[in-house]
């Protein structure tokens, strides 16, 4: 498409975005089964929340919650599971889920609501119980982690300046410093994640 009359058209941009989503889904699948790459899989799951206008929001938040919980990022797991429960409840009562946790992030607010649950009733109750238990224990701050830009760490757009970072080709997280560049493709990767991936795949 980039070499056709359709280049840079809205259709071309849509295809580019869908290709990127497919790439991240494939990368996550490859990383999921490898112990050393669980943090890479978690970062990809978190980055996919940026595309919930195109992929099922409930499933994306559920998978991000599971992945974050698996690597011990409990704050994020709590926030993502809590929003997942909100989305599931919206299926029943039609209310708009609360998006206040995602202000100043690039996670979209206007997403299609699920038409049916992506999990069983038992799985939903399990997540609901965990969220309730964490709320009662009051041991977590309900805030997303921030980076050197004073912005949510997975957001490509800096909250204060509006500057947009390139997404890492491996995780989708913003590439800030310590990067590996692929100039021919106009892409880059975070060096730490890239090296971890190389070591695990050797």
Protein backbone atom coordinates (compact mmCIF):
# COMPACT_ATOMS: atom_id res chain seq x y z
CA UNK A 1 0.00 0.00 0.00
CA UNK A 2 2.84 2.41 0.80
CA UNK A 3 3.91 2.21 -2.88
CA UNK A 4 0.41 2.64 -4.30
CA UNK A 5 -1.97 5.55 -4.85
CA UNK A 6 -3.44 4.64 -1.45
CA UNK A 7 -0.22 5.70 0.34
CA UNK A 8 -0.88 7.91 3.39
CA UNK A 9 -4.64 7.66 2.87
CA UNK A 10 -6.94 7.00 5.86
CA UNK A 11 -7.28 3.38 4.67
CA UNK A 12 -3.48 3.04 4.61
CA UNK A 13 -3.24 4.43 8.16
CA UNK A 14 -5.92 1.98 9.33
CA UNK A 15 -4.03 -0.95 7.81
CA UNK A 16 -0.75 0.26 9.36
CA UNK A 17 -2.39 0.41 12.78
CA UNK A 18 -3.98 -3.04 12.40
CA UNK A 19 -0.64 -4.46 11.25
CA UNK A 20 1.02 -2.96 14.34
CA UNK A 21 -1.64 -4.48 16.62
CA UNK A 22 -1.18 -7.89 14.95
CA UNK A 23 2.59 -7.55 15.39
CA UNK A 24 2.21 -6.81 19.13
CA UNK A 25 -0.23 -9.71 19.59
CA UNK A 26 2.24 -12.08 17.88
CA UNK A 27 5.15 -10.72 19.94
CA UNK A 28 3.17 -11.21 23.15
CA UNK A 29 2.32 -14.79 22.17
CA UNK A 30 6.00 -15.50 21.54
CA UNK A 31 7.06 -13.93 24.85
CA UNK A 32 4.31 -15.46 27.03
CA UNK A 33 5.78 -18.96 27.12
CA UNK A 34 9.30 -17.84 28.07
CA UNK A 35 10.03 -17.18 31.76
CA UNK A 36 12.64 -14.45 31.09
CA UNK A 37 10.20 -12.58 28.83
CA UNK A 38 7.15 -12.36 31.10
CA UNK A 39 7.86 -8.66 31.70
CA UNK A 40 8.03 -8.11 27.92
CA UNK A 41 4.67 -9.89 27.51
CA UNK A 42 3.24 -7.73 30.32
CA UNK A 43 4.46 -4.50 28.68
CA UNK A 44 2.91 -5.56 25.37
CA UNK A 45 -0.41 -6.30 27.12
CA UNK A 46 -0.31 -2.86 28.73
CA UNK A 47 0.55 -1.16 25.40
CA UNK A 48 -2.37 -2.89 23.67
CA UNK A 49 -4.76 -0.86 25.87
CA UNK A 50 -3.89 2.07 23.59
CA UNK A 51 -5.79 0.30 20.78
CA UNK A 52 -9.05 -0.57 22.58
CA UNK A 53 -11.02 1.36 19.96
CA UNK A 54 -10.12 -1.52 17.61
CA UNK A 55 -9.64 -4.54 19.90
CA UNK A 56 -12.10 -5.73 22.55
CA UNK A 57 -11.57 -3.42 25.54
CA UNK A 58 -12.80 -5.90 28.16
CA UNK A 59 -10.45 -8.64 26.95
CA UNK A 60 -7.52 -6.21 26.65
CA UNK A 61 -7.97 -4.96 30.25
CA UNK A 62 -8.42 -8.52 31.53
CA UNK A 63 -5.24 -9.71 29.80
CA UNK A 64 -3.29 -6.63 30.93
CA UNK A 65 -4.43 -7.26 34.52
CA UNK A 66 -3.40 -10.93 34.37
CA UNK A 67 -0.01 -10.11 32.84
CA UNK A 68 0.74 -7.35 35.38
CA UNK A 69 -0.29 -9.58 38.29
CA UNK A 70 1.97 -12.37 36.97
CA UNK A 71 5.05 -10.10 37.15
CA UNK A 72 4.13 -8.44 40.45
CA UNK A 73 2.96 -5.07 39.11
CA UNK A 74 0.00 -5.10 41.49
CA UNK A 75 -0.91 -1.41 41.25
CA UNK A 76 -1.40 -1.72 37.50
CA UNK A 77 -3.11 -5.11 37.83
CA UNK A 78 -5.58 -3.59 40.30
CA UNK A 79 -6.38 -0.61 38.07
CA UNK A 80 -6.77 -2.74 34.93
CA UNK A 81 -8.87 -5.43 36.65
CA UNK A 82 -11.03 -2.74 38.27
CA UNK A 83 -11.71 -1.22 34.85
CA UNK A 84 -12.34 -4.68 33.39
CA UNK A 85 -15.04 -5.22 36.05
CA UNK A 86 -16.50 -1.79 35.19
CA UNK A 87 -16.67 -2.76 31.52
CA UNK A 88 -18.38 -6.06 32.37
CA UNK A 89 -20.89 -4.23 34.60
CA UNK A 90 -21.57 -1.79 31.75
CA UNK A 91 -22.70 -4.79 29.71
CA UNK A 92 -25.46 -5.37 32.29
CA UNK A 93 -26.52 -1.86 33.22
CA UNK A 94 -25.40 0.20 30.20
CA UNK A 95 -23.61 2.80 32.35
CA UNK A 96 -20.44 4.39 31.03
CA UNK A 97 -17.39 3.05 32.89
CA UNK A 98 -15.32 5.47 34.99
CA UNK A 99 -12.20 6.55 33.08
CA UNK A 100 -10.66 8.79 35.76
CA UNK A 101 -7.68 6.43 36.23
CA UNK A 102 -6.70 7.06 32.61
CA UNK A 103 -6.66 10.86 32.47
CA UNK A 104 -3.40 12.12 30.91
CA UNK A 105 -2.77 8.76 29.21
CA UNK A 106 -3.23 7.67 25.59
CA UNK A 107 -5.72 4.96 26.60
CA UNK A 108 -8.95 5.92 24.76
CA UNK A 109 -12.15 6.70 26.66
CA UNK A 110 -14.60 6.16 23.81
CA UNK A 111 -14.46 2.42 23.19
CA UNK A 112 -17.15 -0.02 22.07
CA UNK A 113 -18.70 -1.77 25.07
CA UNK A 114 -18.64 -5.57 25.08
CA UNK A 115 -21.73 -7.35 23.80
CA UNK A 116 -20.87 -10.53 25.72
CA UNK A 117 -18.33 -11.42 28.38
CA UNK A 118 -14.87 -12.56 27.27
CA UNK A 119 -14.59 -14.67 30.46
CA UNK A 120 -16.78 -17.14 32.32
CA UNK A 121 -18.94 -15.97 35.22
CA UNK A 122 -16.57 -17.82 37.56
CA UNK A 123 -13.52 -15.96 36.17
CA UNK A 124 -15.33 -12.63 36.50
CA UNK A 125 -16.23 -13.39 40.13
CA UNK A 126 -12.62 -14.38 40.83
CA UNK A 127 -11.38 -11.01 39.50
CA UNK A 128 -14.17 -9.14 41.31
CA UNK A 129 -13.18 -10.85 44.60
CA UNK A 130 -9.49 -10.00 44.11
CA UNK A 131 -10.28 -6.33 43.38
CA UNK A 132 -12.54 -6.18 46.45
CA UNK A 133 -9.91 -7.84 48.65
CA UNK A 134 -7.22 -5.38 47.51
CA UNK A 135 -9.61 -2.45 48.05
CA UNK A 136 -10.44 -3.60 51.59
CA UNK A 137 -6.77 -4.18 52.47
CA UNK A 138 -6.01 -0.66 51.16
CA UNK A 139 -2.37 -1.64 50.52
CA UNK A 140 -2.06 -0.28 47.00
CA UNK A 141 -2.11 3.23 45.63
CA UNK A 142 -4.59 3.50 42.81
CA UNK A 143 -2.18 5.35 40.52
CA UNK A 144 -0.43 4.32 37.34
CA UNK A 145 3.41 4.42 37.45
CA UNK A 146 5.07 7.54 36.01
CA UNK A 147 8.42 7.96 34.27
CA UNK A 148 11.02 10.71 33.84
CA UNK A 149 8.53 12.74 31.74
CA UNK A 150 6.15 12.82 34.75
CA UNK A 151 3.77 10.87 32.51
CA UNK A 152 2.17 7.41 32.75
CA UNK A 153 5.06 5.13 31.79
CA UNK A 154 3.31 3.38 28.88
CA UNK A 155 1.90 6.54 27.28
CA UNK A 156 3.48 7.61 24.00
CA UNK A 157 2.35 11.21 24.53
CA UNK A 158 3.96 13.24 27.33
CA UNK A 159 1.22 14.72 29.52
CA UNK A 160 2.89 18.13 30.04
CA UNK A 161 4.40 18.81 26.62
CA UNK A 162 2.31 16.76 24.20
CA UNK A 163 5.54 15.39 22.71
CA UNK A 164 5.06 11.98 21.11
CA UNK A 165 7.66 9.22 21.53
CA UNK A 166 8.22 6.34 19.13
CA UNK A 167 6.74 3.06 20.37
CA UNK A 168 9.22 0.26 21.05
CA UNK A 169 8.87 -2.32 18.24
CA UNK A 170 9.00 -5.06 20.87
CA UNK A 171 6.83 -3.82 23.76
CA UNK A 172 4.94 -0.76 22.52
CA UNK A 173 6.30 1.27 25.46
CA UNK A 174 7.72 4.72 24.59
CA UNK A 175 11.36 4.77 23.49
CA UNK A 176 13.03 7.47 25.56
CA UNK A 177 16.74 6.80 26.09
CA UNK A 178 18.99 3.73 25.81
CA UNK A 179 17.53 2.74 22.47
CA UNK A 180 18.36 0.71 19.42
CA UNK A 181 17.32 2.42 16.19
CA UNK A 182 16.25 0.89 12.90
CA UNK A 183 16.51 3.98 10.65
CA UNK A 184 15.50 2.26 7.41
CA UNK A 185 12.14 1.34 8.93
CA UNK A 186 11.79 4.48 11.06
CA UNK A 187 11.46 2.30 14.17
CA UNK A 188 13.28 1.91 17.48
CA UNK A 189 13.40 -0.40 20.50
CA UNK A 190 14.18 0.02 24.17
CA UNK A 191 17.67 -1.46 24.55
CA UNK A 192 17.00 -3.35 27.79
CA UNK A 193 13.92 -5.15 26.43
CA UNK A 194 15.58 -5.80 23.06
CA UNK A 195 18.65 -7.37 24.71
CA UNK A 196 16.45 -9.45 27.02
CA UNK A 197 14.54 -10.72 23.97
CA UNK A 198 17.77 -11.54 22.09
CA UNK A 199 19.20 -13.44 25.07
CA UNK A 200 16.00 -15.44 25.53
CA UNK A 201 15.73 -16.37 21.85
CA UNK A 202 19.35 -17.50 21.43
